[in-house]
């Protein structure tokens, strides 16, 4: 989320690359890099907690506020200073579009209304009854209930007689605002995040070759978004499988650092291919399996130059 280690490497390298010609752009890239490092630390901590419980500890609420605030500030810097200046710089353009989708991914995970993740702050929905309370092990607390014998003869007995009038069709109960609504509007961010992921994937497919580590980073987070936020488990597994196939079909060259990053991401994608499947299903459909990328011969990968050639002034630093 927000940025992987691969994204952080490219942020630093691209910032150094554009610094001689565009000091402002380089400065903003370095700021995004610093912000993403801090944000990654907070999101990892939140993932370990599995669920932010604002009713138990103030620390959970502070962690939630930090994540939302850093993501909001990062998105503002990205949209105001970086996206307008990326131009036709291939890798930088893909990275910028990917980071925008990543920030919205965080909004969906931690601040979506309605909540779609165990890591988000959940709020009770008005109109839905709560779980009955137990009265010290003596059964259900009926202190608020009215007995049938105590019902007045003038009270309506038919459900359609009297009582509060519900909202008309299409105007159901409004979801309550989340605690961080003063930082960011409490809305459903899934459609926007999904649209931005599709844009980033389309750019990565058009500008980067199949085994490029930045392209793999885009596909990996998109697969995670499909699984965790849209609950499209089959789509997530299919995307991971297709991405691995594209890696093995690619013949462009890469340096050692990118090769190791690609190995790590292929390993993650391999796990995502089987995510949510039981062991019996895995045994029935395992087949020959996916061989580790590191088992391929390095000289078989370093064959030719990448098909996507960056614009002049932004030559591939690899």
Protein backbone atom coordinates (compact mmCIF):
# COMPACT_ATOMS: atom_id res chain seq x y z
CA UNK A 1 0.00 0.00 0.00
CA UNK A 2 1.03 3.58 -0.69
CA UNK A 3 4.43 2.35 -1.84
CA UNK A 4 6.34 -0.88 -1.79
CA UNK A 5 10.11 -1.12 -1.48
CA UNK A 6 10.25 -1.25 -5.28
CA UNK A 7 8.31 2.01 -5.53
CA UNK A 8 10.59 3.64 -2.97
CA UNK A 9 13.67 2.62 -4.96
CA UNK A 10 12.24 4.17 -8.11
CA UNK A 11 11.23 7.33 -6.25
CA UNK A 12 14.81 7.88 -5.12
CA UNK A 13 16.41 6.97 -8.46
CA UNK A 14 14.02 9.04 -10.55
CA UNK A 15 14.36 12.01 -8.20
CA UNK A 16 18.14 11.94 -8.65
CA UNK A 17 17.70 11.55 -12.38
CA UNK A 18 15.43 14.59 -12.89
CA UNK A 19 17.15 16.81 -10.31
CA UNK A 20 19.55 18.56 -12.74
CA UNK A 21 16.71 19.65 -15.04
CA UNK A 22 13.75 19.97 -12.66
CA UNK A 23 14.67 20.72 -9.08
CA UNK A 24 11.04 21.23 -8.01
CA UNK A 25 9.93 17.85 -9.32
CA UNK A 26 12.93 16.17 -7.68
CA UNK A 27 12.15 17.89 -4.38
CA UNK A 28 8.55 16.67 -4.42
CA UNK A 29 9.63 13.13 -5.29
CA UNK A 30 11.99 13.12 -2.32
CA UNK A 31 9.17 14.39 -0.09
CA UNK A 32 6.85 11.64 -1.33
CA UNK A 33 9.64 9.15 -0.64
CA UNK A 34 10.03 10.30 2.96
CA UNK A 35 6.28 10.33 3.48
CA UNK A 36 5.88 6.86 2.01
CA UNK A 37 8.54 5.41 4.30
CA UNK A 38 6.71 6.73 7.37
CA UNK A 39 3.36 5.66 5.98
CA UNK A 40 4.62 2.14 5.28
CA UNK A 41 5.70 1.84 8.92
CA UNK A 42 2.25 2.87 10.17
CA UNK A 43 0.35 0.61 7.77
CA UNK A 44 2.47 -2.40 8.69
CA UNK A 45 1.75 -1.70 12.35
CA UNK A 46 -1.97 -1.42 11.58
CA UNK A 47 -1.93 -4.70 9.66
CA UNK A 48 -0.39 -6.44 12.65
CA UNK A 49 -3.22 -5.16 14.82
CA UNK A 50 -5.65 -6.57 12.22
CA UNK A 51 -8.37 -4.16 13.40
CA UNK A 52 -8.24 -0.65 14.76
CA UNK A 53 -10.34 -0.54 17.91
CA UNK A 54 -11.00 3.09 18.80
CA UNK A 55 -13.08 2.14 21.83
CA UNK A 56 -10.21 0.40 23.66
CA UNK A 57 -7.08 2.49 23.16
CA UNK A 58 -6.23 6.03 22.15
CA UNK A 59 -3.16 4.70 20.35
CA UNK A 60 -5.32 2.96 17.74
CA UNK A 61 -7.15 6.19 17.00
CA UNK A 62 -3.89 8.13 16.73
CA UNK A 63 -2.48 5.51 14.36
CA UNK A 64 -5.62 5.74 12.25
CA UNK A 65 -5.38 9.54 12.11
CA UNK A 66 -1.69 9.37 11.14
CA UNK A 67 -2.40 7.00 8.27
CA UNK A 68 -5.27 9.07 6.88
CA UNK A 69 -3.42 12.38 7.27
CA UNK A 70 -0.19 11.14 5.63
CA UNK A 71 -2.16 9.59 2.76
CA UNK A 72 -4.12 12.79 2.22
CA UNK A 73 -1.00 14.97 2.20
CA UNK A 74 0.79 12.56 -0.12
CA UNK A 75 -2.11 12.60 -2.56
CA UNK A 76 -2.20 16.41 -2.53
CA UNK A 77 1.51 16.65 -3.34
CA UNK A 78 1.18 14.01 -6.03
CA UNK A 79 -1.78 15.62 -7.80
CA UNK A 80 -0.62 19.23 -7.52
CA UNK A 81 3.11 18.96 -8.18
CA UNK A 82 4.08 15.58 -9.66
CA UNK A 83 1.33 14.42 -12.02
CA UNK A 84 1.30 17.72 -14.00
CA UNK A 85 5.07 17.43 -14.60
CA UNK A 86 5.53 13.77 -15.50
CA UNK A 87 4.93 14.40 -19.20
CA UNK A 88 6.07 11.48 -21.34
CA UNK A 89 8.59 10.12 -18.84
CA UNK A 90 7.62 6.44 -18.97
CA UNK A 91 8.67 5.04 -15.60
CA UNK A 92 7.88 8.23 -13.70
CA UNK A 93 4.41 8.41 -15.24
CA UNK A 94 3.63 4.81 -14.31
CA UNK A 95 4.95 5.37 -10.79
CA UNK A 96 2.88 8.53 -10.29
CA UNK A 97 -0.34 6.88 -11.46
CA UNK A 98 0.39 3.84 -9.32
CA UNK A 99 0.98 5.97 -6.21
CA UNK A 100 -2.32 7.78 -6.74
CA UNK A 101 -4.13 4.44 -6.83
CA UNK A 102 -2.17 3.33 -3.76
CA UNK A 103 -3.27 6.33 -1.70
CA UNK A 104 -6.90 5.62 -2.57
CA UNK A 105 -6.27 1.97 -1.68
CA UNK A 106 -5.39 3.16 1.82
CA UNK A 107 -8.54 5.29 1.97
CA UNK A 108 -10.61 2.21 1.13
CA UNK A 109 -8.86 0.02 3.69
CA UNK A 110 -8.91 2.46 6.60
CA UNK A 111 -11.49 5.15 5.88
CA UNK A 112 -14.15 3.75 3.57
CA UNK A 113 -17.81 4.27 4.38
CA UNK A 114 -19.18 1.62 4.49
CA UNK A 115 -16.22 -0.24 5.92
CA UNK A 116 -14.93 -3.08 3.71
CA UNK A 117 -11.85 -4.15 5.67
CA UNK A 118 -11.07 -5.47 9.13
CA UNK A 119 -8.43 -2.72 9.40
CA UNK A 120 -10.93 0.10 9.01
CA UNK A 121 -12.88 1.92 11.71
CA UNK A 122 -16.33 0.37 11.83
CA UNK A 123 -19.34 2.35 12.97
CA UNK A 124 -22.82 1.08 13.88
CA UNK A 125 -25.49 1.59 11.23
CA UNK A 126 -28.67 3.25 12.48
CA UNK A 127 -31.79 1.15 12.17
CA UNK A 128 -29.92 -2.16 12.62
CA UNK A 129 -30.52 -3.74 16.04
CA UNK A 130 -27.49 -4.36 18.19
CA UNK A 131 -26.54 -7.68 19.78
CA UNK A 132 -28.62 -8.33 22.94
CA UNK A 133 -26.79 -7.64 26.20
CA UNK A 134 -26.40 -10.28 28.87
CA UNK A 135 -27.31 -9.39 32.44
CA UNK A 136 -24.42 -10.96 34.41
CA UNK A 137 -25.10 -14.44 33.08
CA UNK A 138 -28.80 -14.38 33.98
CA UNK A 139 -30.04 -14.18 30.44
CA UNK A 140 -31.01 -11.41 28.07
CA UNK A 141 -31.43 -7.98 29.62
CA UNK A 142 -35.07 -7.06 29.20
CA UNK A 143 -35.02 -3.87 31.23
CA UNK A 144 -36.11 -1.82 28.23
CA UNK A 145 -38.78 -4.22 27.05
CA UNK A 146 -42.48 -3.65 27.65
CA UNK A 147 -44.42 -6.71 28.80
CA UNK A 148 -47.55 -7.78 27.03
CA UNK A 149 -49.54 -7.51 30.28
CA UNK A 150 -48.45 -3.92 30.72
CA UNK A 151 -49.59 -2.89 27.24
CA UNK A 152 -52.31 -0.26 27.33
CA UNK A 153 -55.61 -1.06 25.69
CA UNK A 154 -55.40 2.10 23.66
CA UNK A 155 -52.03 1.29 22.14
CA UNK A 156 -52.11 0.03 18.54
CA UNK A 157 -51.58 -3.71 18.21
CA UNK A 158 -51.33 -3.92 14.42
CA UNK A 159 -47.85 -3.17 13.00
CA UNK A 160 -49.31 -0.70 10.52
CA UNK A 161 -51.05 1.34 13.22
CA UNK A 162 -49.12 4.29 14.60
CA UNK A 163 -45.42 4.15 15.42
CA UNK A 164 -42.54 5.97 13.76
CA UNK A 165 -42.77 6.44 10.03
CA UNK A 166 -39.84 4.96 8.11
CA UNK A 167 -38.05 6.71 5.26
CA UNK A 168 -39.46 6.35 1.73
CA UNK A 169 -37.89 3.82 -0.67
CA UNK A 170 -34.42 4.85 -1.76
CA UNK A 171 -33.85 7.02 1.31
CA UNK A 172 -32.54 4.51 3.82
CA UNK A 173 -30.58 5.31 6.96
CA UNK A 174 -27.53 7.47 6.38
CA UNK A 175 -24.25 5.90 7.39
CA UNK A 176 -22.60 7.78 10.27
CA UNK A 177 -19.38 9.67 9.62
CA UNK A 178 -16.12 8.03 10.62
CA UNK A 179 -13.93 9.57 13.37
CA UNK A 180 -11.49 10.86 10.74
CA UNK A 181 -14.15 12.71 8.74
CA UNK A 182 -12.54 16.01 9.76
CA UNK A 183 -9.44 14.90 7.82
CA UNK A 184 -11.12 13.31 4.81
CA UNK A 185 -14.75 13.02 3.65
CA UNK A 186 -16.44 9.85 4.85
CA UNK A 187 -17.55 8.33 1.52
CA UNK A 188 -17.15 5.18 -0.57
CA UNK A 189 -13.74 5.36 -2.28
CA UNK A 190 -13.89 1.98 -4.03
CA UNK A 191 -15.05 3.18 -7.48
CA UNK A 192 -12.41 5.92 -7.62
CA UNK A 193 -9.62 3.63 -6.43
CA UNK A 194 -10.60 0.94 -8.93
CA UNK A 195 -10.61 3.41 -11.81
CA UNK A 196 -7.14 4.69 -10.87
CA UNK A 197 -5.78 1.14 -10.61
CA UNK A 198 -7.08 0.41 -14.11
CA UNK A 199 -5.32 3.52 -15.42
CA UNK A 200 -2.05 2.55 -13.74
CA UNK A 201 -2.25 -1.01 -15.09
CA UNK A 202 -2.97 0.23 -18.61
CA UNK A 203 0.03 2.58 -18.48
CA UNK A 204 2.30 -0.14 -17.08
CA UNK A 205 1.23 -2.55 -19.82
CA UNK A 206 1.86 0.03 -22.53
CA UNK A 207 5.14 1.54 -21.30
CA UNK A 208 6.98 -1.23 -19.42
CA UNK A 209 8.00 -4.75 -20.37
CA UNK A 210 6.61 -7.85 -18.72
CA UNK A 211 9.37 -8.47 -16.16
CA UNK A 212 9.88 -4.82 -15.16
CA UNK A 213 9.73 -4.65 -11.38
CA UNK A 214 7.64 -1.46 -11.36
CA UNK A 215 5.09 -3.12 -13.63
CA UNK A 216 5.00 -6.10 -11.26
CA UNK A 217 4.51 -3.75 -8.31
CA UNK A 218 1.44 -2.23 -10.00
CA UNK A 219 -0.07 -5.63 -10.75
CA UNK A 220 0.68 -6.99 -7.26
CA UNK A 221 -1.08 -4.17 -5.44
CA UNK A 222 -3.98 -4.26 -7.89
CA UNK A 223 -4.43 -7.97 -7.15
CA UNK A 224 -4.39 -7.20 -3.43
CA UNK A 225 -6.99 -4.45 -3.94
CA UNK A 226 -9.29 -6.81 -5.84
CA UNK A 227 -9.07 -9.38 -3.07
CA UNK A 228 -9.20 -7.18 0.04
CA UNK A 229 -11.44 -4.32 -1.04
CA UNK A 230 -13.68 -5.55 -3.89
CA UNK A 231 -13.70 -9.13 -2.58
CA UNK A 232 -13.15 -10.37 -6.12
CA UNK A 233 -11.10 -13.38 -5.11
CA UNK A 234 -11.21 -15.16 -8.45
CA UNK A 235 -10.25 -11.97 -10.32
CA UNK A 236 -7.32 -11.44 -7.98
CA UNK A 237 -6.02 -14.98 -8.46
CA UNK A 238 -6.45 -14.75 -12.23
CA UNK A 239 -4.55 -11.45 -12.38
CA UNK A 240 -1.68 -12.91 -10.34
CA UNK A 241 -1.51 -15.97 -12.60
CA UNK A 242 -1.54 -13.91 -15.82
CA UNK A 243 1.14 -11.55 -14.47
CA UNK A 244 3.47 -14.44 -13.67
CA UNK A 245 2.96 -15.82 -17.17
CA UNK A 246 3.89 -12.42 -18.65
CA UNK A 247 7.09 -12.39 -16.60
CA UNK A 248 8.23 -15.71 -18.01
CA UNK A 249 7.33 -14.65 -21.54
CA UNK A 250 9.42 -11.46 -21.30
CA UNK A 251 12.91 -11.51 -22.80
CA UNK A 252 14.14 -7.99 -22.07
CA UNK A 253 17.27 -7.41 -20.03
CA UNK A 254 17.47 -6.25 -16.42
CA UNK A 255 20.18 -5.60 -13.88
CA UNK A 256 20.75 -7.64 -10.73
CA UNK A 257 18.75 -5.34 -8.47
CA UNK A 258 15.66 -5.41 -10.69
CA UNK A 259 16.07 -9.16 -11.11
CA UNK A 260 15.96 -9.73 -7.34
CA UNK A 261 12.95 -7.41 -6.99
CA UNK A 262 11.18 -9.33 -9.75
CA UNK A 263 11.93 -12.61 -7.95
CA UNK A 264 10.41 -11.30 -4.73
CA UNK A 265 7.28 -9.99 -6.47
CA UNK A 266 6.78 -13.22 -8.41
CA UNK A 267 6.96 -15.09 -5.11
CA UNK A 268 4.25 -12.83 -3.69
CA UNK A 269 2.12 -13.28 -6.80
CA UNK A 270 2.54 -17.04 -6.55
CA UNK A 271 1.07 -16.94 -3.05
CA UNK A 272 -1.76 -14.71 -4.23
CA UNK A 273 -2.63 -17.28 -6.90
CA UNK A 274 -3.59 -19.70 -4.11
CA UNK A 275 -5.01 -17.17 -1.69
CA UNK A 276 -8.43 -18.15 -0.37
CA UNK A 277 -8.27 -21.72 -1.72
CA UNK A 278 -8.41 -24.70 0.61
CA UNK A 279 -5.68 -27.31 0.64
CA UNK A 280 -7.74 -29.93 -1.22
CA UNK A 281 -8.35 -27.48 -4.08
CA UNK A 282 -4.64 -26.68 -4.23
CA UNK A 283 -3.73 -30.38 -4.47
CA UNK A 284 -6.23 -30.99 -7.25
CA UNK A 285 -5.17 -27.98 -9.31
CA UNK A 286 -1.53 -27.68 -8.44
CA UNK A 287 -0.24 -29.22 -11.67
CA UNK A 288 3.43 -28.63 -12.46
CA UNK A 289 3.37 -25.39 -10.44
CA UNK A 290 5.31 -22.19 -11.05
CA UNK A 291 9.05 -22.46 -10.94
CA UNK A 292 10.91 -19.78 -8.99
CA UNK A 293 12.07 -16.94 -11.21
CA UNK A 294 15.57 -17.21 -9.78
CA UNK A 295 15.94 -20.67 -11.35
CA UNK A 296 15.93 -19.16 -14.83
CA UNK A 297 19.26 -18.52 -16.46
CA UNK A 298 20.28 -14.93 -16.19
CA UNK A 299 21.75 -14.85 -19.67
CA UNK A 300 18.41 -16.03 -21.04
CA UNK A 301 16.81 -12.88 -19.63
CA UNK A 302 19.45 -10.41 -20.73
CA UNK A 303 18.74 -10.61 -24.44
CA UNK A 304 17.65 -7.29 -25.85
CA UNK A 305 16.75 -3.72 -24.92
CA UNK A 306 13.28 -3.05 -23.51
CA UNK A 307 10.52 -2.48 -26.00
CA UNK A 308 9.37 0.70 -24.24
CA UNK A 309 11.93 3.50 -24.79
CA UNK A 310 11.65 6.49 -22.43
CA UNK A 311 11.53 9.99 -23.82
CA UNK A 312 14.67 11.99 -24.38
CA UNK A 313 16.13 13.26 -21.11
CA UNK A 314 14.62 10.39 -19.14
CA UNK A 315 16.66 7.47 -20.45
CA UNK A 316 16.33 4.18 -18.64
CA UNK A 317 18.83 4.28 -15.80
CA UNK A 318 18.97 0.47 -15.71
